[in-house]
Amino acid sequence: MNKSAYLLPAIVVVVVAAVSSVFIVDEREKALVLQFGQIVKVKEDPGLGFKIPLIQNVVRYDDRILSRDLEPLEVTPSDDRRLVVDAFARYRIADVERFRQAVGDGGEQAAARRLDSILRAKTREVLGSVSSNDILSTDRAGLMLRIRNGAIAEANALGLQVIDVRLKRTDLPPENLNATYERMKAEREREAADEIARGNEAALRVRATADRTVVELVSESQRQAEITRGEADAERNKIFAEAFGADPEFFEFYRSMTAYSRALQGNASMVLSPDNEFFNYLKSDQGAASN
């Protein structure tokens, strides 16, 4: 009876000790076995693990990819236009032993706060070296890559692996919206004035070219007209000369008739002596020859 009384508690103690010496590591986590605060074993593979009861304890850390949203951060790009940036990072605990040594009992929350400081500093550094147009453009992958690469070394010192950094939203501070709007409006008006000035300059060039072309065409046409008129006058004079040479009397008669027609048009009045040569063909169809 006495042996049974002692044996049962001993069995219970052994069972409790055996159970306490076994721990299970899930596939989504990693574990450290600590003895008086010092790391004695790292358990990264899922399955059963063993420890010394009461002396050693197990600390577990998430092995999945974690996300961390940064608080809105105000940055000043190289053109002094302040911006408010929202970003987030994706990371994982790559080295649990180094992670434990870096953050101690603070665990994942302490590491997340330190990672926040690293990412905020790198974000200010990278975005402060470019213009606001580069930040606001759709092609920001290069800037996000620079932030990630800049944070990798410091994050590794914490046992963390930074996988990705993304800029979610980039806005102007509320107090700068009106000033920025007015500045953008002034820039657009200046660009519009430049375009109008360039258009007027081009119009003047086109108009001057057209005017010069008109003058050249008119001058060339007048020159050709004068040449044609001169050639026609020469041809006419030639015909007249040939006609006069062929029949001088008829030519004289024709010229006299033409002169009568022009002189006696309308209500013309002429005062001439009766024996004036002008009336030769009025007195006789033979003119001066008949006289």
C-alpha atoms as a PDB file:
ATOM      1  CA  MET A   1       0.000   0.000   0.000  1.00  0.00           C
ATOM      2  CA  ASN A   2       2.802   2.366   0.838  1.00  0.00           C
ATOM      3  CA  LYS A   3       4.669   1.520  -2.365  1.00  0.00           C
ATOM      4  CA  SER A   4       1.583   2.286  -4.461  1.00  0.00           C
ATOM      5  CA  ALA A   5       1.197   5.616  -2.730  1.00  0.00           C
ATOM      6  CA  TYR A   6       4.710   6.634  -3.773  1.00  0.00           C
ATOM      7  CA  LEU A   7       4.715   4.962  -7.180  1.00  0.00           C
ATOM      8  CA  LEU A   8       1.693   6.797  -8.565  1.00  0.00           C
ATOM      9  CA  PRO A   9       3.033  10.312  -7.924  1.00  0.00           C
ATOM     10  CA  ALA A  10       6.390   9.247  -9.354  1.00  0.00           C
ATOM     11  CA  ILE A  11       4.700   8.018 -12.516  1.00  0.00           C
ATOM     12  CA  VAL A  12       2.763  11.287 -12.775  1.00  0.00           C
ATOM     13  CA  VAL A  13       5.973  13.299 -12.383  1.00  0.00           C
ATOM     14  CA  VAL A  14       7.730  11.206 -15.034  1.00  0.00           C
ATOM     15  CA  VAL A  15       4.818  11.578 -17.439  1.00  0.00           C
ATOM     16  CA  VAL A  16       4.630  15.326 -16.832  1.00  0.00           C
ATOM     17  CA  ALA A  17       8.401  15.619 -17.315  1.00  0.00           C
ATOM     18  CA  ALA A  18       8.269  13.573 -20.505  1.00  0.00           C
ATOM     19  CA  VAL A  19       5.417  15.667 -21.857  1.00  0.00           C
ATOM     20  CA  SER A  20       7.172  18.903 -20.872  1.00  0.00           C
ATOM     21  CA  SER A  21      10.333  17.841 -22.665  1.00  0.00           C
ATOM     22  CA  VAL A  22       8.553  17.526 -26.019  1.00  0.00           C
ATOM     23  CA  PHE A  23       7.432  20.458 -28.178  1.00  0.00           C
ATOM     24  CA  ILE A  24       5.991  20.648 -31.674  1.00  0.00           C
ATOM     25  CA  VAL A  25       7.150  23.106 -34.332  1.00  0.00           C
ATOM     26  CA  ASP A  26       4.498  24.041 -36.893  1.00  0.00           C
ATOM     27  CA  GLU A  27       5.440  24.391 -40.562  1.00  0.00           C
ATOM     28  CA  ARG A  28       4.569  28.113 -40.359  1.00  0.00           C
ATOM     29  CA  GLU A  29       7.057  28.889 -37.602  1.00  0.00           C
ATOM     30  CA  LYS A  30      10.594  28.520 -36.313  1.00  0.00           C
ATOM     31  CA  ALA A  31      11.606  27.877 -32.726  1.00  0.00           C
ATOM     32  CA  LEU A  32      14.514  28.586 -30.404  1.00  0.00           C
ATOM     33  CA  VAL A  33      15.342  26.564 -27.310  1.00  0.00           C
ATOM     34  CA  LEU A  34      16.632  28.883 -24.585  1.00  0.00           C
ATOM     35  CA  GLN A  35      18.417  27.994 -21.381  1.00  0.00           C
ATOM     36  CA  PHE A  36      18.686  30.837 -18.893  1.00  0.00           C
ATOM     37  CA  GLY A  37      18.179  33.280 -21.777  1.00  0.00           C
ATOM     38  CA  GLN A  38      20.899  31.765 -23.950  1.00  0.00           C
ATOM     39  CA  ILE A  39      20.206  30.024 -27.244  1.00  0.00           C
ATOM     40  CA  VAL A  40      21.063  26.337 -27.088  1.00  0.00           C
ATOM     41  CA  LYS A  41      19.142  24.977 -30.056  1.00  0.00           C
ATOM     42  CA  VAL A  42      17.493  26.245 -33.266  1.00  0.00           C
ATOM     43  CA  LYS A  43      14.537  24.307 -34.601  1.00  0.00           C
ATOM     44  CA  GLU A  44      13.573  25.417 -38.125  1.00  0.00           C
ATOM     45  CA  ASP A  45      12.122  22.195 -39.554  1.00  0.00           C
ATOM     46  CA  PRO A  46       8.536  21.285 -38.657  1.00  0.00           C
ATOM     47  CA  GLY A  47       8.085  18.315 -36.315  1.00  0.00           C
ATOM     48  CA  LEU A  48       8.883  17.228 -32.764  1.00  0.00           C
ATOM     49  CA  GLY A  49      11.611  18.813 -30.695  1.00  0.00           C
ATOM     50  CA  PHE A  50      13.006  18.070 -27.251  1.00  0.00           C
ATOM     51  CA  LYS A  51      14.123  20.247 -24.358  1.00  0.00           C
ATOM     52  CA  ILE A  52      15.001  19.882 -20.703  1.00  0.00           C
ATOM     53  CA  PRO A  53      11.906  20.559 -18.608  1.00  0.00           C
ATOM     54  CA  LEU A  54      11.978  23.530 -16.220  1.00  0.00           C
ATOM     55  CA  ILE A  55      15.480  24.506 -17.320  1.00  0.00           C
ATOM     56  CA  GLN A  56      14.899  25.173 -20.980  1.00  0.00           C
ATOM     57  CA  ASN A  57      12.012  26.990 -22.691  1.00  0.00           C
ATOM     58  CA  VAL A  58      10.896  27.390 -26.303  1.00  0.00           C
ATOM     59  CA  VAL A  59      10.365  30.695 -28.138  1.00  0.00           C
ATOM     60  CA  ARG A  60       8.491  30.587 -31.432  1.00  0.00           C
ATOM     61  CA  TYR A  61       8.654  33.046 -34.343  1.00  0.00           C
ATOM     62  CA  ASP A  62       6.480  33.342 -37.442  1.00  0.00           C
ATOM     63  CA  ASP A  63       8.187  31.947 -40.562  1.00  0.00           C
ATOM     64  CA  ARG A  64       5.669  33.366 -43.025  1.00  0.00           C
ATOM     65  CA  ILE A  65       6.021  36.504 -45.135  1.00  0.00           C
ATOM     66  CA  LEU A  66       4.874  39.437 -43.016  1.00  0.00           C
ATOM     67  CA  SER A  67       3.517  42.839 -44.035  1.00  0.00           C
ATOM     68  CA  ARG A  68       4.159  46.149 -42.376  1.00  0.00           C
ATOM     69  CA  ASP A  69       2.307  49.386 -43.186  1.00  0.00           C
ATOM     70  CA  LEU A  70       4.306  52.535 -42.555  1.00  0.00           C
ATOM     71  CA  GLU A  71       2.705  55.592 -41.038  1.00  0.00           C
ATOM     72  CA  PRO A  72       2.171  58.419 -43.591  1.00  0.00           C
ATOM     73  CA  LEU A  73       5.545  60.022 -44.113  1.00  0.00           C
ATOM     74  CA  GLU A  74       6.228  63.578 -45.283  1.00  0.00           C
ATOM     75  CA  VAL A  75       9.183  63.894 -47.671  1.00  0.00           C
ATOM     76  CA  THR A  76      10.778  66.826 -49.467  1.00  0.00           C
ATOM     77  CA  PRO A  77      11.941  66.000 -53.013  1.00  0.00           C
ATOM     78  CA  SER A  78      14.764  67.823 -54.746  1.00  0.00           C
ATOM     79  CA  ASP A  79      12.379  70.509 -56.116  1.00  0.00           C
ATOM     80  CA  ASP A  80      11.170  71.383 -52.557  1.00  0.00           C
ATOM     81  CA  ARG A  81       7.571  70.290 -53.159  1.00  0.00           C
ATOM     82  CA  ARG A  82       6.561  68.472 -49.999  1.00  0.00           C
ATOM     83  CA  LEU A  83       4.704  65.188 -50.415  1.00  0.00           C
ATOM     84  CA  VAL A  84       2.948  62.771 -48.041  1.00  0.00           C
ATOM     85  CA  VAL A  85       3.828  59.161 -48.853  1.00  0.00           C
ATOM     86  CA  ASP A  86       2.129  55.942 -47.729  1.00  0.00           C
ATOM     87  CA  ALA A  87       4.209  52.776 -48.082  1.00  0.00           C
ATOM     88  CA  PHE A  88       4.260  49.171 -46.947  1.00  0.00           C
ATOM     89  CA  ALA A  89       6.920  46.475 -46.783  1.00  0.00           C
ATOM     90  CA  ARG A  90       6.888  42.689 -47.020  1.00  0.00           C
ATOM     91  CA  TYR A  91       9.531  40.828 -45.044  1.00  0.00           C
ATOM     92  CA  ARG A  92      10.272  37.615 -43.185  1.00  0.00           C
ATOM     93  CA  ILE A  93      12.441  36.456 -40.330  1.00  0.00           C
ATOM     94  CA  ALA A  94      15.352  34.849 -42.141  1.00  0.00           C
ATOM     95  CA  ASP A  95      17.784  34.194 -39.254  1.00  0.00           C
ATOM     96  CA  VAL A  96      15.982  33.501 -35.976  1.00  0.00           C
ATOM     97  CA  GLU A  97      19.197  33.309 -33.961  1.00  0.00           C
ATOM     98  CA  ARG A  98      20.378  36.736 -35.128  1.00  0.00           C
ATOM     99  CA  PHE A  99      16.812  38.012 -34.744  1.00  0.00           C
ATOM    100  CA  ARG A 100      16.743  36.949 -31.105  1.00  0.00           C
ATOM    101  CA  GLN A 101      20.117  38.511 -30.419  1.00  0.00           C
ATOM    102  CA  ALA A 102      19.035  41.783 -32.045  1.00  0.00           C
ATOM    103  CA  VAL A 103      15.605  42.294 -30.458  1.00  0.00           C
ATOM    104  CA  GLY A 104      15.832  40.165 -27.313  1.00  0.00           C
ATOM    105  CA  ASP A 105      12.517  39.709 -25.527  1.00  0.00           C
ATOM    106  CA  GLY A 106      10.872  42.425 -27.660  1.00  0.00           C
ATOM    107  CA  GLY A 107      10.022  39.883 -30.320  1.00  0.00           C
ATOM    108  CA  GLU A 108       8.308  40.663 -33.572  1.00  0.00           C
ATOM    109  CA  GLN A 109       6.779  43.962 -32.434  1.00  0.00           C
ATOM    110  CA  ALA A 110      10.161  45.407 -31.474  1.00  0.00           C
ATOM    111  CA  ALA A 111      11.629  44.226 -34.790  1.00  0.00           C
ATOM    112  CA  ALA A 112       8.724  45.794 -36.697  1.00  0.00           C
ATOM    113  CA  ARG A 113       9.305  49.139 -34.985  1.00  0.00           C
ATOM    114  CA  ARG A 114      13.017  49.052 -35.816  1.00  0.00           C
ATOM    115  CA  LEU A 115      12.230  48.065 -39.405  1.00  0.00           C
ATOM    116  CA  ASP A 116       9.865  51.044 -39.571  1.00  0.00           C
ATOM    117  CA  SER A 117      12.710  53.372 -38.648  1.00  0.00           C
ATOM    118  CA  ILE A 118      14.970  51.842 -41.302  1.00  0.00           C
ATOM    119  CA  LEU A 119      12.342  52.084 -44.043  1.00  0.00           C
ATOM    120  CA  ARG A 120      11.340  55.645 -43.144  1.00  0.00           C
ATOM    121  CA  ALA A 121      14.972  56.775 -43.250  1.00  0.00           C
ATOM    122  CA  LYS A 122      15.616  55.071 -46.602  1.00  0.00           C
ATOM    123  CA  THR A 123      12.374  56.424 -48.051  1.00  0.00           C
ATOM    124  CA  ARG A 124      13.325  59.989 -47.114  1.00  0.00           C
ATOM    125  CA  GLU A 125      16.831  59.462 -48.476  1.00  0.00           C
ATOM    126  CA  VAL A 126      15.737  58.063 -51.848  1.00  0.00           C
ATOM    127  CA  LEU A 127      12.718  60.304 -52.466  1.00  0.00           C
ATOM    128  CA  GLY A 128      14.661  63.358 -51.361  1.00  0.00           C
ATOM    129  CA  SER A 129      17.175  62.812 -54.178  1.00  0.00           C
ATOM    130  CA  VAL A 130      14.627  62.969 -57.044  1.00  0.00           C
ATOM    131  CA  SER A 131      12.019  65.452 -58.204  1.00  0.00           C
ATOM    132  CA  SER A 132       8.357  65.292 -57.280  1.00  0.00           C
ATOM    133  CA  ASN A 133       7.468  64.558 -60.919  1.00  0.00           C
ATOM    134  CA  ASP A 134       9.512  61.346 -60.720  1.00  0.00           C
ATOM    135  CA  ILE A 135       7.697  60.348 -57.538  1.00  0.00           C
ATOM    136  CA  LEU A 136       4.239  61.174 -58.893  1.00  0.00           C
ATOM    137  CA  SER A 137       4.817  59.416 -62.212  1.00  0.00           C
ATOM    138  CA  THR A 138       3.503  55.907 -62.809  1.00  0.00           C
ATOM    139  CA  ASP A 139       7.012  54.548 -63.359  1.00  0.00           C
ATOM    140  CA  ARG A 140       8.121  54.351 -59.711  1.00  0.00           C
ATOM    141  CA  ALA A 141       9.431  50.809 -59.677  1.00  0.00           C
ATOM    142  CA  GLY A 142      13.024  52.033 -59.734  1.00  0.00           C
ATOM    143  CA  LEU A 143      12.491  54.214 -56.650  1.00  0.00           C
ATOM    144  CA  MET A 144      10.856  51.374 -54.714  1.00  0.00           C
ATOM    145  CA  LEU A 145      13.716  49.053 -55.661  1.00  0.00           C
ATOM    146  CA  ARG A 146      16.252  51.604 -54.402  1.00  0.00           C
ATOM    147  CA  ILE A 147      14.429  51.858 -51.068  1.00  0.00           C
ATOM    148  CA  ARG A 148      14.361  48.075 -50.707  1.00  0.00           C
ATOM    149  CA  ASN A 149      18.031  47.647 -51.621  1.00  0.00           C
ATOM    150  CA  GLY A 150      19.013  50.414 -49.220  1.00  0.00           C
ATOM    151  CA  ALA A 151      17.141  48.746 -46.342  1.00  0.00           C
ATOM    152  CA  ILE A 152      18.426  45.212 -46.963  1.00  0.00           C
ATOM    153  CA  ALA A 153      21.776  45.547 -45.180  1.00  0.00           C
ATOM    154  CA  GLU A 154      20.352  47.116 -42.014  1.00  0.00           C
ATOM    155  CA  ALA A 155      17.451  44.673 -41.957  1.00  0.00           C
ATOM    156  CA  ASN A 156      19.859  41.737 -42.256  1.00  0.00           C
ATOM    157  CA  ALA A 157      21.515  42.910 -39.051  1.00  0.00           C
ATOM    158  CA  LEU A 158      18.153  42.265 -37.375  1.00  0.00           C
ATOM    159  CA  GLY A 159      17.838  38.820 -38.951  1.00  0.00           C
ATOM    160  CA  LEU A 160      15.146  40.116 -41.326  1.00  0.00           C
ATOM    161  CA  GLN A 161      14.906  39.714 -45.093  1.00  0.00           C
ATOM    162  CA  VAL A 162      13.189  42.642 -46.841  1.00  0.00           C
ATOM    163  CA  ILE A 163      11.324  41.154 -49.806  1.00  0.00           C
ATOM    164  CA  ASP A 164       9.542  44.174 -51.231  1.00  0.00           C
ATOM    165  CA  VAL A 165       8.742  47.830 -50.569  1.00  0.00           C
ATOM    166  CA  ARG A 166       5.784  49.522 -52.235  1.00  0.00           C
ATOM    167  CA  LEU A 167       4.553  53.119 -52.367  1.00  0.00           C
ATOM    168  CA  LYS A 168       0.785  52.943 -51.983  1.00  0.00           C
ATOM    169  CA  ARG A 169      -0.165  56.593 -52.272  1.00  0.00           C
ATOM    170  CA  THR A 170       1.597  59.897 -52.817  1.00  0.00           C
ATOM    171  CA  ASP A 171      -0.322  63.091 -52.028  1.00  0.00           C
ATOM    172  CA  LEU A 172       0.352  66.750 -51.423  1.00  0.00           C
ATOM    173  CA  PRO A 173      -0.085  68.082 -47.881  1.00  0.00           C
ATOM    174  CA  PRO A 174      -3.488  69.781 -47.490  1.00  0.00           C
ATOM    175  CA  GLU A 175      -1.917  73.170 -46.758  1.00  0.00           C
ATOM    176  CA  ASN A 176       0.066  72.984 -50.018  1.00  0.00           C
ATOM    177  CA  LEU A 177      -2.781  72.028 -52.340  1.00  0.00           C
ATOM    178  CA  ASN A 178      -3.868  75.581 -53.186  1.00  0.00           C
ATOM    179  CA  ALA A 179      -0.322  76.842 -53.636  1.00  0.00           C
ATOM    180  CA  THR A 180       0.530  73.843 -55.785  1.00  0.00           C
ATOM    181  CA  TYR A 181      -2.621  74.309 -57.841  1.00  0.00           C
ATOM    182  CA  GLU A 182      -1.796  77.968 -58.455  1.00  0.00           C
ATOM    183  CA  ARG A 183       1.778  77.086 -59.380  1.00  0.00           C
ATOM    184  CA  MET A 184       0.597  74.378 -61.782  1.00  0.00           C
ATOM    185  CA  LYS A 185      -1.936  76.824 -63.249  1.00  0.00           C
ATOM    186  CA  ALA A 186       0.790  79.445 -63.743  1.00  0.00           C
ATOM    187  CA  GLU A 187       3.050  76.866 -65.382  1.00  0.00           C
ATOM    188  CA  ARG A 188       0.282  75.802 -67.762  1.00  0.00           C
ATOM    189  CA  GLU A 189      -0.508  79.421 -68.598  1.00  0.00           C
ATOM    190  CA  ARG A 190       3.172  80.069 -69.280  1.00  0.00           C
ATOM    191  CA  GLU A 191       3.323  77.003 -71.508  1.00  0.00           C
ATOM    192  CA  ALA A 192       0.166  78.175 -73.307  1.00  0.00           C
ATOM    193  CA  ALA A 193       1.678  81.642 -73.812  1.00  0.00           C
ATOM    194  CA  ASP A 194       4.844  80.055 -75.182  1.00  0.00           C
ATOM    195  CA  GLU A 195       2.802  77.929 -77.576  1.00  0.00           C
ATOM    196  CA  ILE A 196       0.809  80.984 -78.707  1.00  0.00           C
ATOM    197  CA  ALA A 197       4.014  82.970 -79.220  1.00  0.00           C
ATOM    198  CA  ARG A 198       5.545  80.135 -81.215  1.00  0.00           C
ATOM    199  CA  GLY A 199       2.329  79.856 -83.247  1.00  0.00           C
ATOM    200  CA  ASN A 200       2.300  83.593 -83.966  1.00  0.00           C
ATOM    201  CA  GLU A 201       5.944  83.447 -84.975  1.00  0.00           C
ATOM    202  CA  ALA A 202       5.229  80.545 -87.316  1.00  0.00           C
ATOM    203  CA  ALA A 203       2.203  82.399 -88.713  1.00  0.00           C
ATOM    204  CA  LEU A 204       4.345  85.473 -89.379  1.00  0.00           C
ATOM    205  CA  ARG A 205       6.901  83.319 -91.183  1.00  0.00           C
ATOM    206  CA  VAL A 206       4.196  81.678 -93.295  1.00  0.00           C
ATOM    207  CA  ARG A 207       2.553  85.043 -94.019  1.00  0.00           C
ATOM    208  CA  ALA A 208       5.879  86.626 -94.964  1.00  0.00           C
ATOM    209  CA  THR A 209       6.674  83.696 -97.229  1.00  0.00           C
ATOM    210  CA  ALA A 210       3.244  83.960 -98.834  1.00  0.00           C
ATOM    211  CA  ASP A 211       3.607  87.730 -99.341  1.00  0.00           C
ATOM    212  CA  ARG A 212       7.032  87.268-100.883  1.00  0.00           C
ATOM    213  CA  THR A 213       5.658  84.546-103.126  1.00  0.00           C
ATOM    214  CA  VAL A 214       2.787  86.836-104.200  1.00  0.00           C
ATOM    215  CA  VAL A 215       5.207  89.658-105.009  1.00  0.00           C
ATOM    216  CA  GLU A 216       7.433  87.293-106.947  1.00  0.00           C
ATOM    217  CA  LEU A 217       4.501  85.821-108.878  1.00  0.00           C
ATOM    218  CA  VAL A 218       2.997  89.241-109.634  1.00  0.00           C
ATOM    219  CA  SER A 219       6.379  90.612-110.685  1.00  0.00           C
ATOM    220  CA  GLU A 220       6.996  87.610-112.905  1.00  0.00           C
ATOM    221  CA  SER A 221       3.502  87.915-114.387  1.00  0.00           C
ATOM    222  CA  GLN A 222       3.975  91.623-115.045  1.00  0.00           C
ATOM    223  CA  ARG A 223       7.331  90.934-116.626  1.00  0.00           C
ATOM    224  CA  GLN A 224       5.825  88.272-118.851  1.00  0.00           C
ATOM    225  CA  ALA A 225       2.916  90.633-119.680  1.00  0.00           C
ATOM    226  CA  GLU A 226       5.301  93.427-120.626  1.00  0.00           C
ATOM    227  CA  ILE A 227       7.285  91.045-122.778  1.00  0.00           C
ATOM    228  CA  THR A 228       4.112  89.790-124.464  1.00  0.00           C
ATOM    229  CA  ARG A 229       2.807  93.356-124.888  1.00  0.00           C
ATOM    230  CA  GLY A 230       6.126  94.463-126.373  1.00  0.00           C
ATOM    231  CA  GLU A 231       6.148  91.527-128.736  1.00  0.00           C
ATOM    232  CA  ALA A 232       2.531  92.293-129.727  1.00  0.00           C
ATOM    233  CA  ASP A 233       3.338  95.986-130.297  1.00  0.00           C
ATOM    234  CA  ALA A 234       6.322  94.992-132.355  1.00  0.00           C
ATOM    235  CA  GLU A 235       4.195  92.621-134.373  1.00  0.00           C
ATOM    236  CA  ARG A 236       1.524  95.291-134.827  1.00  0.00           C
ATOM    237  CA  ASN A 237       4.057  97.879-135.917  1.00  0.00           C
ATOM    238  CA  LYS A 238       5.521  95.323-138.270  1.00  0.00           C
ATOM    239  CA  ILE A 239       2.105  94.669-139.784  1.00  0.00           C
ATOM    240  CA  PHE A 240       1.451  98.399-140.064  1.00  0.00           C
ATOM    241  CA  ALA A 241       4.820  98.945-141.669  1.00  0.00           C
ATOM    242  CA  GLU A 242       4.221  96.125-144.134  1.00  0.00           C
ATOM    243  CA  ALA A 243       0.737  97.458-144.899  1.00  0.00           C
ATOM    244  CA  PHE A 244       2.064 100.978-145.400  1.00  0.00           C
ATOM    245  CA  GLY A 245       4.795  99.693-147.659  1.00  0.00           C
ATOM    246  CA  ALA A 246       2.324  97.673-149.716  1.00  0.00           C
ATOM    247  CA  ASP A 247      -0.203 100.497-150.284  1.00  0.00           C
ATOM    248  CA  PRO A 248       0.778 103.881-148.826  1.00  0.00           C
ATOM    249  CA  GLU A 249      -2.357 105.555-150.107  1.00  0.00           C
ATOM    250  CA  PHE A 250      -4.685 103.035-148.426  1.00  0.00           C
ATOM    251  CA  PHE A 251      -2.680 103.286-145.219  1.00  0.00           C
ATOM    252  CA  GLU A 252      -3.009 107.072-145.280  1.00  0.00           C
ATOM    253  CA  PHE A 253      -6.745 106.744-145.936  1.00  0.00           C
ATOM    254  CA  TYR A 254      -7.156 104.284-143.022  1.00  0.00           C
ATOM    255  CA  ARG A 255      -5.295 106.530-140.618  1.00  0.00           C
ATOM    256  CA  SER A 256      -7.386 109.543-141.681  1.00  0.00           C
ATOM    257  CA  MET A 257     -10.634 107.638-141.137  1.00  0.00           C
ATOM    258  CA  THR A 258      -9.438 106.551-137.716  1.00  0.00           C
ATOM    259  CA  ALA A 259      -8.563 110.147-136.859  1.00  0.00           C
ATOM    260  CA  TYR A 260     -12.040 111.354-138.019  1.00  0.00           C
ATOM    261  CA  SER A 261     -13.717 108.682-135.901  1.00  0.00           C
ATOM    262  CA  ARG A 262     -11.814 109.661-132.768  1.00  0.00           C
ATOM    263  CA  ALA A 263     -12.047 113.431-133.312  1.00  0.00           C
ATOM    264  CA  LEU A 264     -15.761 113.580-134.101  1.00  0.00           C
ATOM    265  CA  GLN A 265     -17.051 111.322-131.291  1.00  0.00           C
ATOM    266  CA  GLY A 266     -19.821 112.778-129.125  1.00  0.00           C
ATOM    267  CA  ASN A 267     -20.420 116.512-129.181  1.00  0.00           C
ATOM    268  CA  ALA A 268     -16.887 117.463-130.135  1.00  0.00           C
ATOM    269  CA  SER A 269     -16.271 120.943-131.535  1.00  0.00           C
ATOM    270  CA  MET A 270     -13.324 121.819-133.765  1.00  0.00           C
ATOM    271  CA  VAL A 271     -12.254 125.173-135.231  1.00  0.00           C
ATOM    272  CA  LEU A 272     -10.146 124.687-138.357  1.00  0.00           C
ATOM    273  CA  SER A 273      -9.708 126.528-141.639  1.00  0.00           C
ATOM    274  CA  PRO A 274     -11.545 124.927-144.590  1.00  0.00           C
ATOM    275  CA  ASP A 275      -8.389 124.222-146.479  1.00  0.00           C
ATOM    276  CA  ASN A 276      -6.745 122.385-143.577  1.00  0.00           C
ATOM    277  CA  GLU A 277      -5.122 119.067-144.468  1.00  0.00           C
ATOM    278  CA  PHE A 278      -7.315 117.361-141.905  1.00  0.00           C
ATOM    279  CA  PHE A 279     -10.253 117.590-144.342  1.00  0.00           C
ATOM    280  CA  ASN A 280      -8.468 116.121-147.361  1.00  0.00           C
ATOM    281  CA  TYR A 281     -10.512 112.884-147.361  1.00  0.00           C
ATOM    282  CA  LEU A 282     -13.705 114.755-146.559  1.00  0.00           C
ATOM    283  CA  LYS A 283     -13.383 116.678-149.809  1.00  0.00           C
ATOM    284  CA  SER A 284     -12.391 113.746-151.962  1.00  0.00           C
ATOM    285  CA  ASP A 285     -11.892 109.988-151.490  1.00  0.00           C
ATOM    286  CA  GLN A 286      -8.471 110.486-153.084  1.00  0.00           C
ATOM    287  CA  GLY A 287      -7.322 112.943-150.436  1.00  0.00           C
ATOM    288  CA  ALA A 288      -4.392 115.197-151.183  1.00  0.00           C
ATOM    289  CA  ALA A 289      -3.627 113.298-154.376  1.00  0.00           C
ATOM    290  CA  SER A 290      -6.852 114.510-156.005  1.00  0.00           C
ATOM    291  CA  ASN A 291      -6.007 118.049-155.083  1.00  0.00           C
END
